């Protein structure tokens, strides 16, 4: 008898909240995007004279990889937070939103090849966007960290 087809073996299920499951889904989707961006980066490296991808293609690939793992960290804090699901979803959603917007902006610059440094001539919109990103990312994570501290140390 094949031990892998044994009726005693079954899939392991874990009871995760909707907020955690959505954060994990976001991590997986961003990781898949990172893999696709890696193909784009490889193609540029393989076909360019200097064997380098455009700087923003490289940045998009690396940022997506890092953000996918950051979202896994966020999912852990979401799961261990004492806040209601809607609070965790909102905080994690803000973080994921800004991560995806950042990656998208890198993709646009890589596709257009319009700059190698978007801060060389920053617009008012870029400055406002960066301020929103700072407040959103730090605020969103502070909410999750506070929920973690409340649930794991104070509660």
N, C-alpha and C. Protein backbone atom coordinates (compact mmCIF):
# COMPACT_ATOMS: atom_id res chain seq x y z
N UNK A 1 0.85 -1.18 0.00
CA UNK A 1 0.00 0.00 0.00
C UNK A 1 0.89 1.24 0.00
N UNK A 2 0.50 2.21 -0.79
CA UNK A 2 1.24 3.47 -0.89
C UNK A 2 0.96 4.30 0.36
N UNK A 3 2.03 4.65 1.14
CA UNK A 3 1.81 5.39 2.38
C UNK A 3 1.24 6.79 2.13
N UNK A 4 1.46 7.34 0.93
CA UNK A 4 0.94 8.67 0.65
C UNK A 4 -0.55 8.67 0.37
N UNK A 5 -1.10 7.51 0.04
CA UNK A 5 -2.54 7.43 -0.21
C UNK A 5 -3.30 6.90 1.00
N UNK A 6 -2.65 6.81 2.13
CA UNK A 6 -3.27 6.31 3.34
C UNK A 6 -4.44 7.20 3.76
N UNK A 7 -5.54 6.58 4.18
CA UNK A 7 -6.69 7.38 4.60
C UNK A 7 -6.43 8.16 5.89
N UNK A 8 -5.37 7.81 6.61
CA UNK A 8 -5.09 8.53 7.86
C UNK A 8 -4.37 9.85 7.61
N UNK A 9 -3.79 10.02 6.40
CA UNK A 9 -3.14 11.28 6.08
C UNK A 9 -4.16 12.23 5.48
N UNK A 10 -4.19 13.44 5.98
CA UNK A 10 -5.11 14.43 5.43
C UNK A 10 -4.42 15.79 5.43
N UNK A 11 -4.99 16.70 4.72
CA UNK A 11 -4.44 18.06 4.67
C UNK A 11 -4.55 18.70 6.05
N UNK A 12 -3.54 19.45 6.40
CA UNK A 12 -3.56 20.17 7.66
C UNK A 12 -4.33 21.46 7.45
N UNK A 13 -5.28 21.70 8.30
CA UNK A 13 -6.03 22.95 8.21
C UNK A 13 -5.81 23.74 9.48
N UNK A 14 -5.72 25.02 9.31
CA UNK A 14 -5.53 25.93 10.43
C UNK A 14 -6.67 26.94 10.36
N UNK A 15 -7.27 27.22 11.49
CA UNK A 15 -8.37 28.16 11.53
C UNK A 15 -7.84 29.58 11.62
N UNK A 16 -7.70 30.22 10.47
CA UNK A 16 -7.19 31.59 10.40
C UNK A 16 -8.35 32.54 10.18
N UNK A 17 -8.21 33.73 10.71
CA UNK A 17 -9.22 34.75 10.49
C UNK A 17 -9.21 35.23 9.05
N UNK A 18 -10.31 35.82 8.62
CA UNK A 18 -10.41 36.36 7.28
C UNK A 18 -9.31 37.39 7.02
N UNK A 19 -9.02 38.21 8.01
CA UNK A 19 -7.98 39.23 7.85
C UNK A 19 -6.62 38.60 7.57
N UNK A 20 -6.30 37.53 8.27
CA UNK A 20 -5.03 36.83 8.06
C UNK A 20 -4.99 36.15 6.71
N UNK A 21 -6.10 35.49 6.34
CA UNK A 21 -6.15 34.80 5.06
C UNK A 21 -5.98 35.78 3.89
N UNK A 22 -6.59 36.96 4.01
CA UNK A 22 -6.44 37.96 2.95
C UNK A 22 -5.02 38.51 2.89
N UNK A 23 -4.40 38.68 4.05
CA UNK A 23 -3.00 39.14 4.08
C UNK A 23 -2.09 38.09 3.44
N UNK A 24 -2.33 36.82 3.74
CA UNK A 24 -1.53 35.76 3.13
C UNK A 24 -1.75 35.68 1.62
N UNK A 25 -2.99 35.88 1.20
CA UNK A 25 -3.28 35.91 -0.24
C UNK A 25 -2.52 37.06 -0.91
N UNK A 26 -2.54 38.22 -0.27
CA UNK A 26 -1.81 39.37 -0.82
C UNK A 26 -0.32 39.06 -0.92
N UNK A 27 0.23 38.42 0.10
CA UNK A 27 1.65 38.05 0.07
C UNK A 27 1.93 37.13 -1.10
N UNK A 28 1.07 36.15 -1.31
CA UNK A 28 1.25 35.22 -2.43
C UNK A 28 1.14 35.90 -3.78
N UNK A 29 0.19 36.80 -3.92
CA UNK A 29 0.02 37.50 -5.20
C UNK A 29 1.20 38.43 -5.48
N UNK A 30 1.69 39.12 -4.46
CA UNK A 30 2.84 40.00 -4.66
C UNK A 30 4.08 39.17 -4.97
N UNK A 31 4.22 38.00 -4.33
CA UNK A 31 5.35 37.13 -4.63
C UNK A 31 5.28 36.64 -6.08
N UNK A 32 4.08 36.28 -6.53
CA UNK A 32 3.92 35.86 -7.92
C UNK A 32 4.27 37.01 -8.88
N UNK A 33 3.86 38.22 -8.53
CA UNK A 33 4.25 39.39 -9.32
C UNK A 33 5.77 39.53 -9.35
N UNK A 34 6.42 39.34 -8.21
CA UNK A 34 7.89 39.43 -8.14
C UNK A 34 8.54 38.42 -9.06
N UNK A 35 8.00 37.21 -9.11
CA UNK A 35 8.56 36.20 -10.01
C UNK A 35 8.41 36.62 -11.46
N UNK A 36 7.26 37.17 -11.82
CA UNK A 36 7.06 37.66 -13.17
C UNK A 36 7.99 38.82 -13.50
N UNK A 37 8.19 39.71 -12.54
CA UNK A 37 9.13 40.82 -12.75
C UNK A 37 10.55 40.30 -12.90
N UNK A 38 10.86 39.18 -12.26
CA UNK A 38 12.17 38.56 -12.41
C UNK A 38 12.38 38.08 -13.84
N UNK A 39 11.33 37.60 -14.47
CA UNK A 39 11.43 37.17 -15.88
C UNK A 39 11.71 38.39 -16.75
N UNK A 40 11.01 39.49 -16.50
CA UNK A 40 11.23 40.73 -17.25
C UNK A 40 12.66 41.22 -17.05
N UNK A 41 13.12 41.18 -15.82
CA UNK A 41 14.49 41.61 -15.51
C UNK A 41 15.50 40.71 -16.24
N UNK A 42 15.30 39.42 -16.19
CA UNK A 42 16.19 38.48 -16.88
C UNK A 42 16.22 38.76 -18.37
N UNK A 43 15.04 39.00 -18.96
CA UNK A 43 14.97 39.24 -20.40
C UNK A 43 15.77 40.48 -20.77
N UNK A 44 15.65 41.53 -19.96
CA UNK A 44 16.42 42.74 -20.24
C UNK A 44 17.92 42.49 -20.08
N UNK A 45 18.29 41.73 -19.07
CA UNK A 45 19.70 41.42 -18.86
C UNK A 45 20.26 40.59 -20.01
N UNK A 46 19.46 39.68 -20.51
CA UNK A 46 19.91 38.79 -21.57
C UNK A 46 20.04 39.50 -22.91
N UNK A 47 19.29 40.58 -23.09
CA UNK A 47 19.27 41.23 -24.41
C UNK A 47 19.98 42.57 -24.45
N UNK A 48 20.39 43.11 -23.32
CA UNK A 48 21.04 44.42 -23.35
C UNK A 48 22.55 44.27 -23.56
N UNK A 49 23.15 45.30 -24.13
CA UNK A 49 24.59 45.27 -24.42
C UNK A 49 25.43 45.17 -23.16
N UNK A 50 24.98 45.82 -22.08
CA UNK A 50 25.75 45.78 -20.83
C UNK A 50 25.26 44.69 -19.87
N UNK A 51 24.28 43.90 -20.30
CA UNK A 51 23.72 42.80 -19.52
C UNK A 51 23.12 43.26 -18.19
N UNK A 52 22.56 44.47 -18.22
CA UNK A 52 21.86 45.01 -17.06
C UNK A 52 20.43 45.34 -17.44
N UNK A 53 19.54 45.14 -16.51
CA UNK A 53 18.16 45.58 -16.70
C UNK A 53 18.08 47.06 -16.38
N UNK A 54 17.02 47.71 -16.86
CA UNK A 54 16.80 49.11 -16.50
C UNK A 54 16.72 49.19 -14.97
N UNK A 55 17.29 50.25 -14.36
CA UNK A 55 17.29 50.33 -12.89
C UNK A 55 15.91 50.15 -12.26
N UNK A 56 14.86 50.70 -12.87
CA UNK A 56 13.54 50.57 -12.26
C UNK A 56 12.92 49.19 -12.47
N UNK A 57 13.35 48.46 -13.47
CA UNK A 57 12.93 47.05 -13.60
C UNK A 57 13.56 46.25 -12.46
N UNK A 58 14.83 46.51 -12.21
CA UNK A 58 15.54 45.85 -11.10
C UNK A 58 14.90 46.23 -9.76
N UNK A 59 14.60 47.51 -9.58
CA UNK A 59 13.99 47.96 -8.32
C UNK A 59 12.61 47.34 -8.15
N UNK A 60 11.81 47.29 -9.22
CA UNK A 60 10.47 46.69 -9.13
C UNK A 60 10.55 45.23 -8.69
N UNK A 61 11.48 44.49 -9.31
CA UNK A 61 11.66 43.08 -8.97
C UNK A 61 12.05 42.91 -7.50
N UNK A 62 13.06 43.63 -7.07
CA UNK A 62 13.54 43.51 -5.69
C UNK A 62 12.50 43.98 -4.69
N UNK A 63 11.84 45.10 -5.00
CA UNK A 63 10.82 45.62 -4.08
C UNK A 63 9.67 44.62 -3.93
N UNK A 64 9.23 44.04 -5.02
CA UNK A 64 8.13 43.07 -4.94
C UNK A 64 8.53 41.86 -4.10
N UNK A 65 9.76 41.39 -4.27
CA UNK A 65 10.24 40.28 -3.43
C UNK A 65 10.21 40.67 -1.95
N UNK A 66 10.78 41.82 -1.64
CA UNK A 66 10.84 42.25 -0.24
C UNK A 66 9.45 42.52 0.32
N UNK A 67 8.60 43.18 -0.45
CA UNK A 67 7.25 43.47 0.04
C UNK A 67 6.44 42.19 0.25
N UNK A 68 6.64 41.17 -0.57
CA UNK A 68 5.89 39.93 -0.38
C UNK A 68 6.21 39.32 0.99
N UNK A 69 7.48 39.37 1.37
CA UNK A 69 7.84 38.84 2.68
C UNK A 69 7.43 39.77 3.81
N UNK A 70 7.42 41.06 3.54
CA UNK A 70 6.92 42.01 4.54
C UNK A 70 5.43 41.75 4.80
N UNK A 71 4.70 41.40 3.76
CA UNK A 71 3.27 41.11 3.95
C UNK A 71 3.09 39.83 4.77
N UNK A 72 3.99 38.88 4.64
CA UNK A 72 3.93 37.70 5.52
C UNK A 72 4.10 38.11 6.98
N UNK A 73 5.02 39.03 7.23
CA UNK A 73 5.20 39.54 8.59
C UNK A 73 3.93 40.24 9.06
N UNK A 74 3.35 41.03 8.19
CA UNK A 74 2.09 41.71 8.51
C UNK A 74 1.01 40.70 8.86
N UNK A 75 0.93 39.60 8.09
CA UNK A 75 -0.07 38.56 8.35
C UNK A 75 0.10 37.97 9.75
N UNK A 76 1.34 37.80 10.19
CA UNK A 76 1.57 37.27 11.54
C UNK A 76 1.06 38.25 12.59
N UNK A 77 1.31 39.54 12.41
CA UNK A 77 0.83 40.53 13.36
C UNK A 77 -0.69 40.64 13.32
N UNK A 78 -1.28 40.50 12.14
CA UNK A 78 -2.74 40.51 12.00
C UNK A 78 -3.33 39.34 12.80
N UNK A 79 -2.77 38.16 12.62
CA UNK A 79 -3.30 36.96 13.29
C UNK A 79 -3.20 37.08 14.81
N UNK A 80 -2.16 37.72 15.30
CA UNK A 80 -1.92 37.78 16.75
C UNK A 80 -2.43 39.07 17.38
N UNK A 81 -3.08 39.91 16.59
CA UNK A 81 -3.63 41.17 17.09
C UNK A 81 -4.94 40.93 17.84
N UNK A 82 -5.19 41.76 18.84
CA UNK A 82 -6.44 41.65 19.58
C UNK A 82 -7.53 42.55 19.01
N UNK A 83 -7.19 43.34 18.00
CA UNK A 83 -8.18 44.25 17.44
C UNK A 83 -9.22 43.49 16.63
N UNK A 84 -10.38 44.10 16.42
CA UNK A 84 -11.41 43.46 15.58
C UNK A 84 -10.90 43.26 14.14
N UNK A 85 -11.50 42.32 13.45
CA UNK A 85 -11.09 41.98 12.09
C UNK A 85 -11.06 43.22 11.19
N UNK A 86 -12.06 44.08 11.29
CA UNK A 86 -12.13 45.25 10.40
C UNK A 86 -10.95 46.19 10.62
N UNK A 87 -10.48 46.31 11.87
CA UNK A 87 -9.33 47.18 12.16
C UNK A 87 -8.08 46.58 11.54
N UNK A 88 -7.89 45.28 11.75
CA UNK A 88 -6.72 44.60 11.17
C UNK A 88 -6.74 44.66 9.65
N UNK A 89 -7.93 44.45 9.06
CA UNK A 89 -8.05 44.51 7.59
C UNK A 89 -7.73 45.90 7.07
N UNK A 90 -8.22 46.91 7.76
CA UNK A 90 -7.96 48.28 7.32
C UNK A 90 -6.47 48.60 7.40
N UNK A 91 -5.84 48.26 8.52
CA UNK A 91 -4.42 48.55 8.71
C UNK A 91 -3.57 47.79 7.70
N UNK A 92 -3.83 46.49 7.56
CA UNK A 92 -3.07 45.69 6.59
C UNK A 92 -3.36 46.15 5.16
N UNK A 93 -4.60 46.51 4.90
CA UNK A 93 -4.97 46.98 3.57
C UNK A 93 -4.24 48.24 3.16
N UNK A 94 -4.07 49.16 4.11
CA UNK A 94 -3.32 50.39 3.83
C UNK A 94 -1.88 50.04 3.48
N UNK A 95 -1.27 49.16 4.25
CA UNK A 95 0.11 48.75 3.98
C UNK A 95 0.24 48.11 2.61
N UNK A 96 -0.61 47.15 2.32
CA UNK A 96 -0.53 46.45 1.03
C UNK A 96 -0.80 47.42 -0.11
N UNK A 97 -1.75 48.33 0.06
CA UNK A 97 -2.04 49.32 -0.97
C UNK A 97 -0.79 50.12 -1.32
N UNK A 98 -0.10 50.65 -0.31
CA UNK A 98 1.08 51.45 -0.59
C UNK A 98 2.23 50.62 -1.16
N UNK A 99 2.35 49.37 -0.73
CA UNK A 99 3.37 48.50 -1.30
C UNK A 99 3.10 48.31 -2.81
N UNK A 100 1.86 48.01 -3.15
CA UNK A 100 1.51 47.75 -4.54
C UNK A 100 1.65 49.02 -5.39
N UNK A 101 1.26 50.16 -4.84
CA UNK A 101 1.42 51.42 -5.57
C UNK A 101 2.90 51.69 -5.84
N UNK A 102 3.75 51.44 -4.86
CA UNK A 102 5.19 51.65 -5.05
C UNK A 102 5.71 50.74 -6.16
N UNK A 103 5.35 49.47 -6.11
CA UNK A 103 5.79 48.53 -7.15
C UNK A 103 5.29 48.98 -8.51
N UNK A 104 4.03 49.39 -8.57
CA UNK A 104 3.45 49.84 -9.85
C UNK A 104 4.20 51.05 -10.40
N UNK A 105 4.58 51.97 -9.52
CA UNK A 105 5.32 53.15 -10.01
C UNK A 105 6.69 52.74 -10.56
N UNK A 106 7.32 51.75 -9.93
CA UNK A 106 8.61 51.27 -10.43
C UNK A 106 8.43 50.59 -11.79
N UNK A 107 7.34 49.83 -11.93
CA UNK A 107 7.06 49.16 -13.20
C UNK A 107 6.87 50.19 -14.31
N UNK A 108 6.12 51.25 -14.01
CA UNK A 108 5.88 52.30 -15.01
C UNK A 108 7.20 52.94 -15.43
N UNK A 109 8.04 53.31 -14.46
CA UNK A 109 9.32 53.91 -14.81
C UNK A 109 10.21 52.94 -15.59
N UNK A 110 10.15 51.66 -15.24
CA UNK A 110 10.93 50.67 -15.97
C UNK A 110 10.43 50.47 -17.39
N UNK A 111 9.12 50.49 -17.56
CA UNK A 111 8.55 50.31 -18.90
C UNK A 111 8.78 51.53 -19.78
N UNK A 112 8.63 52.71 -19.20
CA UNK A 112 8.81 53.94 -19.97
C UNK A 112 10.28 54.32 -20.15
N UNK A 113 11.12 53.80 -19.27
CA UNK A 113 12.54 54.18 -19.26
C UNK A 113 12.70 55.70 -19.24
N UNK A 114 11.85 56.34 -18.45
CA UNK A 114 11.81 57.80 -18.42
C UNK A 114 12.76 58.42 -17.40
N UNK A 115 13.26 57.63 -16.49
CA UNK A 115 14.19 58.16 -15.48
C UNK A 115 14.96 57.01 -14.85
N UNK A 116 16.07 57.34 -14.27
CA UNK A 116 16.78 56.37 -13.44
C UNK A 116 16.73 56.81 -11.98
N UNK A 117 16.07 57.95 -11.71
CA UNK A 117 15.90 58.44 -10.35
C UNK A 117 14.68 59.35 -10.30
N UNK A 118 13.57 58.82 -9.81
CA UNK A 118 12.33 59.59 -9.79
C UNK A 118 12.39 60.80 -8.86
N UNK A 119 13.39 60.87 -8.00
CA UNK A 119 13.53 61.98 -7.07
C UNK A 119 14.46 63.08 -7.60
N UNK A 120 14.97 62.88 -8.82
CA UNK A 120 15.87 63.88 -9.41
C UNK A 120 15.15 65.21 -9.63
N UNK A 121 13.90 65.14 -10.08
CA UNK A 121 13.07 66.33 -10.29
C UNK A 121 11.69 66.04 -9.69
N UNK A 122 11.59 66.00 -8.36
CA UNK A 122 10.32 65.59 -7.72
C UNK A 122 9.21 66.62 -7.93
N UNK A 123 8.03 66.12 -8.22
CA UNK A 123 6.85 66.97 -8.37
C UNK A 123 6.16 67.10 -7.01
N UNK A 124 5.23 68.02 -6.95
CA UNK A 124 4.43 68.17 -5.73
C UNK A 124 3.66 66.88 -5.46
N UNK A 125 3.16 66.26 -6.51
CA UNK A 125 2.42 65.01 -6.36
C UNK A 125 3.31 63.91 -5.75
N UNK A 126 4.56 63.84 -6.18
CA UNK A 126 5.48 62.85 -5.62
C UNK A 126 5.70 63.13 -4.13
N UNK A 127 5.90 64.39 -3.78
CA UNK A 127 6.11 64.74 -2.37
C UNK A 127 4.90 64.40 -1.52
N UNK A 128 3.72 64.73 -2.00
CA UNK A 128 2.48 64.42 -1.27
C UNK A 128 2.30 62.90 -1.17
N UNK A 129 2.58 62.21 -2.27
CA UNK A 129 2.48 60.75 -2.27
C UNK A 129 3.43 60.11 -1.28
N UNK A 130 4.64 60.63 -1.21
CA UNK A 130 5.62 60.08 -0.26
C UNK A 130 5.18 60.33 1.19
N UNK A 131 4.63 61.51 1.45
CA UNK A 131 4.13 61.80 2.80
C UNK A 131 2.99 60.85 3.15
N UNK A 132 2.06 60.63 2.21
CA UNK A 132 0.96 59.70 2.44
C UNK A 132 1.49 58.29 2.67
N UNK A 133 2.48 57.89 1.90
CA UNK A 133 3.09 56.57 2.05
C UNK A 133 3.70 56.41 3.44
N UNK A 134 4.44 57.41 3.88
CA UNK A 134 5.09 57.34 5.19
C UNK A 134 4.05 57.22 6.30
N UNK A 135 3.04 58.09 6.26
CA UNK A 135 1.99 58.07 7.29
C UNK A 135 1.21 56.76 7.22
N UNK A 136 0.85 56.36 5.99
CA UNK A 136 0.06 55.13 5.83
C UNK A 136 0.79 53.88 6.27
N UNK A 137 2.04 53.73 5.82
CA UNK A 137 2.79 52.52 6.17
C UNK A 137 3.14 52.49 7.65
N UNK A 138 3.67 53.58 8.17
CA UNK A 138 4.04 53.58 9.59
C UNK A 138 2.81 53.52 10.49
N UNK A 139 1.76 54.26 10.11
CA UNK A 139 0.53 54.23 10.89
C UNK A 139 -0.15 52.88 10.85
N UNK A 140 -0.23 52.30 9.66
CA UNK A 140 -0.86 50.98 9.53
C UNK A 140 -0.14 49.92 10.34
N UNK A 141 1.19 49.94 10.27
CA UNK A 141 1.92 48.93 11.05
C UNK A 141 1.85 49.23 12.54
N UNK A 142 1.85 50.51 12.93
CA UNK A 142 1.73 50.85 14.36
C UNK A 142 0.42 50.32 14.93
N UNK A 143 -0.66 50.38 14.16
CA UNK A 143 -1.94 49.84 14.60
C UNK A 143 -1.82 48.33 14.84
N UNK A 144 -1.21 47.62 13.89
CA UNK A 144 -1.06 46.17 14.05
C UNK A 144 -0.13 45.81 15.20
N UNK A 145 0.95 46.56 15.34
CA UNK A 145 1.88 46.31 16.44
C UNK A 145 1.19 46.55 17.79
N UNK A 146 0.40 47.61 17.87
CA UNK A 146 -0.34 47.88 19.11
C UNK A 146 -1.33 46.76 19.41
N UNK A 147 -1.99 46.25 18.38
CA UNK A 147 -2.93 45.13 18.56
C UNK A 147 -2.21 43.88 19.03
N UNK A 148 -1.01 43.65 18.49
CA UNK A 148 -0.19 42.52 18.92
C UNK A 148 0.21 42.67 20.39
N UNK A 149 0.71 43.84 20.76
CA UNK A 149 1.13 44.08 22.15
C UNK A 149 -0.06 43.93 23.08
N UNK A 150 -1.20 44.50 22.69
CA UNK A 150 -2.41 44.37 23.51
C UNK A 150 -2.82 42.92 23.69
N UNK A 151 -2.81 42.18 22.60
CA UNK A 151 -3.29 40.79 22.66
C UNK A 151 -2.29 39.82 23.29
N UNK A 152 -1.02 40.07 23.12
CA UNK A 152 -0.03 39.08 23.56
C UNK A 152 0.66 39.45 24.87
N UNK A 153 0.61 40.70 25.28
CA UNK A 153 1.29 41.11 26.50
C UNK A 153 0.37 41.73 27.53
N UNK A 154 -0.65 42.43 27.09
CA UNK A 154 -1.52 43.16 28.02
C UNK A 154 -2.85 42.48 28.27
N UNK A 155 -3.31 41.70 27.24
CA UNK A 155 -4.64 41.11 27.31
C UNK A 155 -4.74 39.88 28.14
